[in-house]
Amino acid sequence: MVYTLVLSVAEITSAYTTSGGIYHAASQLAPPKRAALAAWVVGWLNLFGQICGVASVEYGAAEILLATCSIITDGTYKPNNRHTVGVMVLGTFLTGFVNSMSTKWLSKTTVAYIIFHGLVIVTCCATLLSISDDKHTSAYVMSHFESSSGWHPSTYSALFGLLSVSWTITDFDASSHIAEEVRHPEIVVPRAIALGMLLAYIFGGIFTTTLAIVMGDPASILSTPLGQPVIQIFLNVLGKHYGALFAFTAYLILKISGITAMQALARTEFAFSRDKLIPGHRIWVRTCARTKTPVYAVWLCVVVCAAVNLIALASTVAILAVFNVFVIALDLSYVVVILLKVLGGRWAPGPLHLGRASRWCNLVGVVWTVFIAVMFVQPVVRPVEGQTMNYASVFFVVLLVWIFASWWFVGRKHFRGPAAQVEMVEETGMAASMRTMPCARVESPRPKHVDVVEVDPVASGSSSAQESLEMKEVGMRKHSGPP
């Protein structure tokens, strides 16, 4: 069902290809008098969703790394919230350093990661299936059901199992945020989105099914002292050494997914700053002369994402609610744009579109997203208490109030929507500026030609799929946006 939303977003990115992504599409699809408001709402929903998404990936990576340390010490070391937050902060700063490097280097790293990720999935599944002595039958895997949530009817609990998948299969417009860095983005970007998510479904399904076959007693892995059921399965089946090895590879996969997610987030912040949507935009729009990347926007991402995760020091319940808002905000930003496309009457398809299936695919995606958003704000356990309450609805309402209040008091007076045409910078003038300043406040040119490599299938439940792009400069032309 969610793949209809994927295809809908891919179709829209084919028609509107800028680093602003669907934020720019919203301004084009909305009625002219409401274009700025539509861009404001979609832009902030998408930006907050990406921030919470990167924060959740960094937090999850820290949890897995500490669980690996617990395995190595035979359970002597026991992680706590303070340790997790501390490792998360260090990990987020590492992600920032990596994203401060050139896009060409990042591209090569991501290509290596794709190969590594695929090999890990295949090796992990084969190893688990060959070593495990306690396998569940196919009938058990496909039809067995247990509920301890307290919801009635008990089968209603099965719907909560969809939430982890929705957390994984989202932020699929990430490729659109680097659309200004590739040749023929109107074709490359939507193909990357559709193919990346398809591969995520395939490999994710294989990995999840393998875990269900070898997991053993569900109650024992859910109550694991490691705090990570999947890592506990590795330990139970593979033993200490191989269990720790595959746990660490899971950390690496999640960590590199966080790097690519922050890359997209930084490009989004750059695009918003270019359109004067973000406070302090004069700073965040700067690019570094040496790496030609928006390093100021990158480090804004680092600080904000680390700050979000500090909430965990006060309450793990609250931080989990923030992570739920990640999916709600992102997916609803897609829904707004899709509804503008269907109802606005201003839609002009790009080179890749769904044809006659477009409207039905759009509507199914909208209905599904609204349904899953409702599921994300419900408590997963009844009766509801302070520690089992889902506060995602509270955070989301606060977010909406802030978005519309900021529009009323600031946005409607100063914001006119994404710039239709951004001032181009002559290559000669830009080069002179870069020679005199370590970081010049100019828009960087993009390569005139790039070679596109395979998209990244994030299939193990770690993060949304990202496109991997290897760029070889042949010439330079005028352009606005970081390479």
Protein backbone atom coordinates (compact mmCIF):
# COMPACT_ATOMS: atom_id res chain seq x y z
CA MET A 1 0.00 0.00 0.00
CA VAL A 2 2.73 2.46 0.91
CA TYR A 3 4.33 1.85 -2.47
CA THR A 4 1.47 3.82 -4.05
CA LEU A 5 2.74 6.79 -2.05
CA VAL A 6 6.28 6.07 -3.26
CA LEU A 7 5.16 6.08 -6.89
CA SER A 8 3.13 9.25 -6.36
CA VAL A 9 6.13 11.10 -4.95
CA ALA A 10 8.37 9.76 -7.72
CA GLU A 11 5.92 11.06 -10.31
CA ILE A 12 5.91 14.52 -8.73
CA THR A 13 9.71 14.69 -8.50
CA SER A 14 9.90 13.97 -12.22
CA ALA A 15 7.95 17.16 -12.87
CA TYR A 16 9.65 19.36 -10.26
CA THR A 17 13.37 18.74 -9.76
CA THR A 18 15.15 21.07 -7.35
CA SER A 19 16.99 20.51 -4.08
CA GLY A 20 13.86 21.79 -2.35
CA GLY A 21 12.03 18.62 -3.41
CA ILE A 22 8.30 18.52 -2.80
CA TYR A 23 8.49 21.90 -1.05
CA HIS A 24 9.06 23.48 -4.44
CA ALA A 25 6.39 21.27 -6.02
CA ALA A 26 3.83 22.50 -3.46
CA SER A 27 4.34 26.11 -4.55
CA GLN A 28 3.85 25.15 -8.19
CA LEU A 29 0.75 23.01 -7.67
CA ALA A 30 -1.12 25.29 -5.26
CA PRO A 31 -3.32 28.18 -6.45
CA PRO A 32 -1.12 31.27 -6.96
CA LYS A 33 -2.62 33.12 -3.99
CA ARG A 34 -1.90 30.18 -1.69
CA ALA A 35 1.42 29.07 -3.19
CA ALA A 36 3.56 30.64 -0.48
CA LEU A 37 1.40 29.19 2.31
CA ALA A 38 1.48 25.72 0.73
CA ALA A 39 5.27 25.86 0.39
CA TRP A 40 5.59 27.08 3.99
CA VAL A 41 3.48 24.26 5.44
CA VAL A 42 4.96 21.49 3.29
CA GLY A 43 8.48 22.82 3.74
CA TRP A 44 8.36 22.90 7.53
CA LEU A 45 6.59 19.53 7.78
CA ASN A 46 9.23 17.98 5.55
CA LEU A 47 12.12 19.69 7.32
CA PHE A 48 10.97 18.74 10.82
CA GLY A 49 10.31 15.20 9.62
CA GLN A 50 13.83 14.90 8.23
CA ILE A 51 15.36 16.33 11.40
CA CYS A 52 13.52 13.80 13.58
CA GLY A 53 14.41 11.07 11.11
CA VAL A 54 18.15 11.74 11.23
CA ALA A 55 17.94 12.02 15.02
CA SER A 56 16.19 8.65 15.25
CA VAL A 57 18.79 6.96 13.04
CA GLU A 58 21.66 8.36 15.12
CA TYR A 59 19.95 7.30 18.35
CA GLY A 60 19.24 3.81 17.02
CA ALA A 61 22.83 3.42 15.82
CA ALA A 62 24.09 4.34 19.30
CA GLU A 63 21.79 1.75 20.89
CA ILE A 64 23.05 -0.99 18.56
CA LEU A 65 26.70 -0.09 19.16
CA LEU A 66 26.24 -0.24 22.93
CA ALA A 67 24.36 -3.54 22.63
CA THR A 68 27.38 -4.86 20.72
CA CYS A 69 29.63 -3.75 23.58
CA SER A 70 27.36 -5.59 26.00
CA ILE A 71 27.75 -8.80 23.96
CA ILE A 72 31.54 -8.47 23.91
CA THR A 73 31.66 -8.08 27.70
CA ASP A 74 29.35 -11.07 28.27
CA GLY A 75 26.67 -8.78 29.65
CA THR A 76 28.92 -7.16 32.25
CA TYR A 77 28.42 -3.79 30.61
CA LYS A 78 24.82 -2.58 30.72
CA PRO A 79 23.92 0.47 28.61
CA ASN A 80 21.77 3.27 29.99
CA ASN A 81 20.20 6.44 28.60
CA ARG A 82 23.16 8.65 29.43
CA HIS A 83 25.57 6.32 27.63
CA THR A 84 23.26 6.15 24.62
CA VAL A 85 22.92 9.92 24.39
CA GLY A 86 26.67 10.41 24.79
CA VAL A 87 27.50 7.94 22.02
CA MET A 88 24.74 9.48 19.89
CA VAL A 89 26.29 12.96 20.20
CA LEU A 90 29.71 11.66 19.18
CA GLY A 91 28.17 9.70 16.32
CA THR A 92 26.21 12.72 15.09
CA PHE A 93 29.38 14.83 15.04
CA LEU A 94 31.12 12.06 13.07
CA THR A 95 28.26 12.14 10.57
CA GLY A 96 28.74 15.89 10.28
CA PHE A 97 32.46 15.53 9.56
CA VAL A 98 31.78 12.98 6.82
CA ASN A 99 29.13 15.20 5.23
CA SER A 100 31.55 18.14 5.23
CA MET A 101 33.65 16.30 2.65
CA SER A 102 33.14 16.63 -1.08
CA THR A 103 30.08 15.10 -2.68
CA LYS A 104 32.32 13.10 -5.02
CA TRP A 105 33.99 11.41 -2.03
CA LEU A 106 30.62 10.81 -0.39
CA SER A 107 29.38 9.24 -3.60
CA LYS A 108 32.26 6.76 -3.72
CA THR A 109 31.71 5.89 -0.08
CA THR A 110 28.03 5.25 -0.73
CA VAL A 111 28.81 2.99 -3.68
CA ALA A 112 31.03 0.88 -1.43
CA TYR A 113 28.28 0.88 1.19
CA ILE A 114 25.72 -0.48 -1.29
CA ILE A 115 27.95 -3.45 -2.06
CA PHE A 116 28.71 -3.97 1.63
CA HIS A 117 25.04 -3.74 2.58
CA GLY A 118 23.96 -6.29 0.01
CA LEU A 119 26.69 -8.73 1.03
CA VAL A 120 25.78 -8.38 4.71
CA ILE A 121 22.09 -9.10 4.07
CA VAL A 122 22.84 -12.20 2.00
CA THR A 123 25.55 -13.47 4.36
CA CYS A 124 23.51 -12.80 7.49
CA CYS A 125 20.41 -14.60 6.21
CA ALA A 126 22.41 -17.59 4.96
CA THR A 127 24.37 -17.86 8.22
CA LEU A 128 21.31 -17.62 10.46
CA LEU A 129 19.40 -20.24 8.46
CA SER A 130 22.34 -22.66 8.30
CA ILE A 131 23.34 -22.46 11.98
CA SER A 132 19.98 -22.22 13.74
CA ASP A 133 18.75 -25.52 15.22
CA ASP A 134 15.41 -24.13 16.35
CA LYS A 135 13.52 -23.02 13.27
CA HIS A 136 9.86 -22.14 13.14
CA THR A 137 7.75 -23.71 10.41
CA SER A 138 6.45 -21.70 7.48
CA ALA A 139 2.94 -22.05 8.90
CA TYR A 140 4.10 -20.50 12.18
CA VAL A 141 5.89 -17.65 10.41
CA MET A 142 2.97 -16.79 8.15
CA SER A 143 -0.02 -17.40 10.40
CA HIS A 144 0.93 -17.56 14.09
CA PHE A 145 -0.27 -14.59 16.11
CA GLU A 146 0.26 -13.55 19.73
CA SER A 147 -1.03 -10.39 21.38
CA SER A 148 -0.10 -8.92 24.74
CA SER A 149 -1.05 -5.32 24.02
CA GLY A 150 -4.45 -5.33 25.69
CA TRP A 151 -6.25 -4.11 22.57
CA HIS A 152 -9.54 -5.72 21.53
CA PRO A 153 -10.01 -7.47 19.24
CA SER A 154 -6.54 -8.90 19.68
CA THR A 155 -5.95 -8.98 15.92
CA TYR A 156 -5.97 -5.17 16.06
CA SER A 157 -2.49 -5.43 17.56
CA ALA A 158 -1.22 -6.77 14.25
CA LEU A 159 -1.68 -3.30 12.78
CA PHE A 160 1.03 -1.99 15.08
CA GLY A 161 3.45 -4.30 13.31
CA LEU A 162 3.10 -2.07 10.27
CA LEU A 163 4.67 0.86 12.10
CA SER A 164 8.25 -0.41 11.98
CA VAL A 165 7.90 -0.92 8.23
CA SER A 166 6.50 2.59 7.82
CA TRP A 167 9.45 3.98 9.79
CA THR A 168 11.81 2.23 7.37
CA ILE A 169 9.95 2.98 4.14
CA THR A 170 9.79 6.75 4.38
CA ASP A 171 11.89 9.81 3.52
CA PHE A 172 11.90 8.36 0.03
CA ASP A 173 12.05 11.83 -1.50
CA ALA A 174 15.62 12.10 -0.18
CA SER A 175 17.02 11.61 -3.68
CA SER A 176 15.14 14.68 -4.88
CA HIS A 177 17.19 16.89 -2.56
CA ILE A 178 20.32 16.23 -4.61
CA ALA A 179 18.49 16.67 -7.93
CA GLU A 180 20.58 19.75 -8.73
CA GLU A 181 23.73 17.63 -8.68
CA VAL A 182 22.89 15.13 -11.43
CA ARG A 183 22.29 15.15 -15.12
CA HIS A 184 18.68 14.57 -16.27
CA PRO A 185 17.22 14.62 -12.73
CA GLU A 186 13.68 14.47 -14.11
CA ILE A 187 14.43 10.86 -15.09
CA VAL A 188 17.20 9.78 -12.71
CA VAL A 189 15.56 10.92 -9.46
CA PRO A 190 12.12 9.28 -9.85
CA ARG A 191 13.74 6.05 -11.02
CA ALA A 192 16.01 6.10 -7.98
CA ILE A 193 13.05 6.59 -5.66
CA ALA A 194 10.95 3.82 -7.19
CA LEU A 195 13.78 1.31 -7.58
CA GLY A 196 15.32 2.05 -4.18
CA MET A 197 12.04 1.42 -2.39
CA LEU A 198 11.32 -1.70 -4.43
CA LEU A 199 14.68 -3.18 -3.45
CA ALA A 200 14.03 -2.20 0.15
CA TYR A 201 10.79 -4.19 0.04
CA ILE A 202 12.48 -7.24 -1.46
CA PHE A 203 15.57 -7.39 0.75
CA GLY A 204 13.69 -6.21 3.81
CA GLY A 205 11.10 -8.94 3.32
CA ILE A 206 13.79 -11.61 3.00
CA PHE A 207 15.61 -10.40 6.11
CA THR A 208 12.44 -10.09 8.21
CA THR A 209 11.25 -13.55 7.19
CA THR A 210 14.64 -15.02 8.11
CA LEU A 211 14.46 -13.43 11.56
CA ALA A 212 10.95 -14.82 12.08
CA ILE A 213 12.15 -18.33 11.21
CA VAL A 214 15.12 -18.37 13.61
CA MET A 215 13.96 -16.07 16.43
CA GLY A 216 12.92 -18.80 18.88
CA ASP A 217 10.61 -17.80 21.73
CA PRO A 218 9.21 -14.29 21.01
CA ALA A 219 8.78 -13.49 24.72
CA SER A 220 12.45 -14.11 25.48
CA ILE A 221 13.79 -11.85 22.76
CA LEU A 222 11.34 -9.06 23.59
CA SER A 223 12.53 -9.05 27.21
CA THR A 224 16.21 -9.02 26.25
CA PRO A 225 18.56 -7.06 28.54
CA LEU A 226 20.31 -5.81 25.41
CA GLY A 227 17.27 -3.73 24.55
CA GLN A 228 17.54 -4.85 20.91
CA PRO A 229 15.54 -7.98 19.94
CA VAL A 230 17.32 -8.40 16.59
CA ILE A 231 20.74 -8.25 18.26
CA GLN A 232 19.52 -10.81 20.80
CA ILE A 233 18.58 -13.13 17.91
CA PHE A 234 22.13 -12.77 16.56
CA LEU A 235 23.52 -13.67 19.98
CA ASN A 236 21.18 -16.63 20.51
CA VAL A 237 21.80 -18.18 17.10
CA LEU A 238 25.39 -17.21 16.30
CA GLY A 239 27.01 -17.02 19.72
CA LYS A 240 29.14 -14.27 21.21
CA HIS A 241 31.77 -13.67 18.52
CA TYR A 242 29.70 -13.93 15.34
CA GLY A 243 26.75 -12.32 17.08
CA ALA A 244 28.89 -9.30 17.95
CA LEU A 245 30.28 -9.23 14.41
CA PHE A 246 26.86 -9.07 12.75
CA ALA A 247 25.64 -6.61 15.39
CA PHE A 248 28.52 -4.31 14.48
CA THR A 249 27.74 -4.62 10.77
CA ALA A 250 24.16 -3.62 11.61
CA TYR A 251 25.60 -0.55 13.33
CA LEU A 252 27.68 0.32 10.26
CA ILE A 253 24.68 -0.04 7.96
CA LEU A 254 22.53 2.18 10.15
CA LYS A 255 25.35 4.69 10.57
CA ILE A 256 25.96 5.09 6.85
CA SER A 257 22.22 5.38 6.31
CA GLY A 258 22.35 8.28 8.76
CA ILE A 259 25.14 9.87 6.73
CA THR A 260 23.09 9.77 3.53
CA ALA A 261 20.00 11.01 5.39
CA MET A 262 21.94 13.98 6.75
CA GLN A 263 23.24 14.68 3.26
CA ALA A 264 19.65 15.06 2.07
CA LEU A 265 18.70 17.12 5.14
CA ALA A 266 21.59 19.54 4.60
CA ARG A 267 20.54 20.04 0.97
CA THR A 268 16.99 20.71 2.12
CA GLU A 269 18.19 23.32 4.59
CA PHE A 270 20.34 24.85 1.86
CA ALA A 271 17.35 25.13 -0.49
CA PHE A 272 15.16 26.62 2.24
CA SER A 273 17.89 29.11 3.17
CA ARG A 274 18.26 30.08 -0.46
CA ASP A 275 14.57 30.99 -0.41
CA LYS A 276 14.93 32.78 2.97
CA LEU A 277 12.63 30.34 4.73
CA ILE A 278 14.96 29.56 7.66
CA PRO A 279 16.12 32.08 10.27
CA GLY A 280 19.79 32.88 9.74
CA HIS A 281 19.52 31.97 6.06
CA ARG A 282 22.49 34.19 5.15
CA ILE A 283 24.72 31.80 7.08
CA TRP A 284 23.25 28.44 6.07
CA VAL A 285 23.28 29.27 2.35
CA ARG A 286 27.08 29.47 2.29
CA THR A 287 29.12 26.76 0.63
CA CYS A 288 32.72 25.83 1.32
CA ALA A 289 35.16 26.75 -1.44
CA ARG A 290 37.30 23.65 -0.96
CA THR A 291 34.65 20.94 -0.82
CA LYS A 292 31.86 22.88 -2.56
CA THR A 293 29.37 21.53 -0.02
CA PRO A 294 26.94 23.44 2.24
CA VAL A 295 29.03 22.88 5.38
CA TYR A 296 27.20 25.50 7.41
CA ALA A 297 23.90 23.74 6.74
CA VAL A 298 25.54 20.41 7.60
CA TRP A 299 26.63 21.61 11.03
CA LEU A 300 23.24 23.15 11.66
CA CYS A 301 21.88 19.63 11.08
CA VAL A 302 24.39 18.20 13.55
CA VAL A 303 23.51 20.62 16.33
CA VAL A 304 19.74 20.39 15.86
CA CYS A 305 19.62 16.58 15.59
CA ALA A 306 21.85 16.12 18.63
CA ALA A 307 19.71 18.61 20.57
CA VAL A 308 16.54 16.70 19.69
CA ASN A 309 17.99 13.49 21.10
CA LEU A 310 18.84 15.18 24.40
CA ILE A 311 15.15 14.73 25.18
CA ALA A 312 16.01 11.09 25.93
CA LEU A 313 17.89 12.21 29.05
CA ALA A 314 14.57 13.30 30.51
CA SER A 315 12.24 10.66 29.07
CA THR A 316 12.58 7.74 26.67
CA VAL A 317 8.80 7.85 26.21
CA ALA A 318 9.05 11.42 24.94
CA ILE A 319 11.90 10.70 22.52
CA LEU A 320 10.00 7.73 21.06
CA ALA A 321 7.07 10.08 20.45
CA VAL A 322 9.40 12.44 18.60
CA PHE A 323 10.56 9.57 16.42
CA ASN A 324 6.92 8.77 15.62
CA VAL A 325 6.42 12.39 14.54
CA PHE A 326 9.22 11.81 12.02
CA VAL A 327 7.01 9.50 9.95
CA ILE A 328 3.82 11.50 10.45
CA ALA A 329 5.33 14.83 9.42
CA LEU A 330 7.19 13.46 6.40
CA ASP A 331 4.33 11.40 5.04
CA LEU A 332 1.75 14.14 5.57
CA SER A 333 3.98 16.57 3.70
CA TYR A 334 3.72 14.15 0.78
CA VAL A 335 -0.05 13.94 1.21
CA VAL A 336 -0.48 17.71 1.02
CA VAL A 337 1.43 17.88 -2.26
CA ILE A 338 -0.44 14.92 -3.73
CA LEU A 339 -3.80 16.50 -2.85
CA LEU A 340 -2.68 19.76 -4.46
CA LYS A 341 -1.79 17.76 -7.56
CA VAL A 342 -5.14 15.96 -7.68
CA LEU A 343 -7.37 18.90 -6.76
CA GLY A 344 -5.44 21.98 -7.83
CA GLY A 345 -5.77 21.67 -11.59
CA ARG A 346 -2.22 22.92 -12.21
CA TRP A 347 -0.53 19.54 -12.71
CA ALA A 348 1.73 19.11 -15.73
CA PRO A 349 3.40 15.67 -15.75
CA GLY A 350 7.12 15.22 -16.19
CA PRO A 351 8.88 12.69 -18.43
CA LEU A 352 8.07 9.82 -16.05
CA HIS A 353 4.47 9.58 -14.92
CA LEU A 354 1.84 6.98 -14.04
CA GLY A 355 -0.54 7.74 -16.88
CA ARG A 356 -4.14 6.70 -16.28
CA ALA A 357 -3.19 5.01 -13.01
CA SER A 358 -1.93 8.27 -11.56
CA ARG A 359 -5.10 9.52 -9.85
CA TRP A 360 -6.00 6.15 -8.33
CA CYS A 361 -2.45 5.60 -7.14
CA ASN A 362 -2.46 9.07 -5.59
CA LEU A 363 -5.74 8.55 -3.75
CA VAL A 364 -4.79 5.12 -2.41
CA GLY A 365 -1.51 6.56 -1.16
CA VAL A 366 -3.32 9.41 0.60
CA VAL A 367 -5.84 7.12 2.31
CA TRP A 368 -3.12 4.73 3.44
CA THR A 369 -0.97 7.55 4.82
CA VAL A 370 -3.81 9.05 6.82
CA PHE A 371 -4.56 5.60 8.25
CA ILE A 372 -0.96 4.90 9.23
CA ALA A 373 -0.64 8.39 10.76
CA VAL A 374 -3.58 7.58 13.04
CA MET A 375 -1.85 4.35 14.07
CA PHE A 376 1.34 6.23 14.90
CA VAL A 377 -0.37 8.40 17.51
CA GLN A 378 -2.08 5.54 19.33
CA PRO A 379 -0.60 3.87 22.43
CA VAL A 380 0.52 0.33 21.61
CA VAL A 381 -0.36 -1.02 25.06
CA ARG A 382 -3.55 -0.86 27.11
CA PRO A 383 -4.43 0.18 29.75
CA VAL A 384 -2.70 3.48 29.08
CA GLU A 385 -0.38 4.82 31.78
CA GLY A 386 2.25 7.52 31.93
CA GLN A 387 5.01 5.20 30.67
CA THR A 388 2.88 3.62 27.95
CA MET A 389 1.19 6.76 26.62
CA ASN A 390 2.06 7.77 23.06
CA TYR A 391 2.73 11.51 23.12
CA ALA A 392 3.27 11.76 19.36
CA SER A 393 -0.11 13.45 18.95
CA VAL A 394 0.92 16.16 21.43
CA PHE A 395 4.20 16.84 19.65
CA PHE A 396 2.48 16.88 16.26
CA VAL A 397 -0.20 19.34 17.38
CA VAL A 398 2.50 21.60 18.80
CA LEU A 399 4.33 21.37 15.47
CA LEU A 400 1.21 22.34 13.51
CA VAL A 401 0.47 25.25 15.85
CA TRP A 402 4.03 26.49 15.45
CA ILE A 403 3.92 26.20 11.64
CA PHE A 404 0.69 28.16 11.24
CA ALA A 405 1.51 30.69 13.97
CA SER A 406 4.90 31.41 12.41
CA TRP A 407 3.18 31.82 9.06
CA TRP A 408 0.67 34.28 10.48
CA PHE A 409 3.19 36.43 12.32
CA VAL A 410 6.21 36.13 10.02
CA GLY A 411 5.73 34.07 6.88
CA ARG A 412 2.79 35.89 5.30
CA LYS A 413 4.65 39.19 5.62
CA HIS A 414 8.04 38.17 4.30
CA PHE A 415 7.88 34.80 2.52
CA ARG A 416 6.86 34.70 -1.14
CA GLY A 417 7.62 31.06 -1.88
CA PRO A 418 10.57 29.36 -3.57
CA ALA A 419 12.41 31.56 -6.02
CA ALA A 420 11.28 30.82 -9.56
CA GLN A 421 14.76 31.57 -10.79
CA VAL A 422 17.78 31.87 -8.56
CA GLU A 423 20.46 34.30 -9.57
CA MET A 424 23.25 32.53 -11.37
CA VAL A 425 26.88 33.13 -10.46
CA GLU A 426 29.47 33.42 -13.18
CA GLU A 427 32.15 30.78 -12.95
CA THR A 428 34.96 33.31 -13.20
CA GLY A 429 33.56 35.51 -10.47
CA MET A 430 32.91 32.56 -8.22
CA ALA A 431 36.43 31.26 -8.66
CA ALA A 432 37.83 34.66 -7.67
CA SER A 433 35.66 34.72 -4.57
CA MET A 434 36.78 31.26 -3.57
CA ARG A 435 40.42 32.26 -3.84
CA THR A 436 39.96 35.08 -1.36
CA MET A 437 37.64 33.42 1.19
CA PRO A 438 37.84 30.00 2.88
CA CYS A 439 34.06 29.67 2.63
CA ALA A 440 32.31 31.82 0.08
CA ARG A 441 28.66 32.75 0.20
CA VAL A 442 27.94 31.75 -3.37
CA GLU A 443 25.90 29.12 -5.08
CA SER A 444 28.17 26.34 -6.27
CA PRO A 445 28.11 25.12 -9.86
CA ARG A 446 27.30 21.53 -10.61
CA PRO A 447 29.13 19.18 -12.90
CA LYS A 448 27.91 19.36 -16.45
CA HIS A 449 27.96 15.61 -16.64
CA VAL A 450 27.70 12.90 -14.05
CA ASP A 451 27.72 9.14 -14.17
CA VAL A 452 24.90 7.61 -12.18
CA VAL A 453 25.40 4.37 -10.33
CA GLU A 454 22.91 2.04 -8.70
CA VAL A 455 20.57 3.25 -6.00
CA ASP A 456 21.00 2.18 -2.39
CA PRO A 457 18.56 -0.49 -1.22
CA VAL A 458 18.14 0.05 2.51
CA ALA A 459 16.44 -3.21 3.25
CA SER A 460 17.24 -4.11 6.83
CA GLY A 461 14.93 -1.71 8.60
CA SER A 462 17.66 0.87 9.10
CA SER A 463 16.55 3.91 7.14
CA SER A 464 14.92 5.08 3.98
CA ALA A 465 16.61 4.26 0.70
CA GLN A 466 19.02 6.81 -0.64
CA GLU A 467 20.29 7.24 -4.20
CA SER A 468 24.02 6.80 -4.70
CA LEU A 469 25.47 9.10 -7.33
CA GLU A 470 29.05 9.03 -8.56
CA MET A 471 29.89 12.27 -10.32
CA LYS A 472 32.74 12.86 -12.72
CA GLU A 473 33.23 16.48 -13.72
CA VAL A 474 33.54 17.13 -17.43
CA GLY A 475 32.70 20.81 -17.43
CA MET A 476 30.96 23.42 -15.37
CA ARG A 477 27.89 25.48 -16.08
CA LYS A 478 25.98 28.12 -14.19
CA HIS A 479 23.80 26.78 -11.46
CA SER A 480 22.44 27.49 -8.01
CA GLY A 481 22.82 24.79 -5.41
CA PRO A 482 25.57 22.82 -3.74
CA PRO A 483 27.19 19.98 -5.70
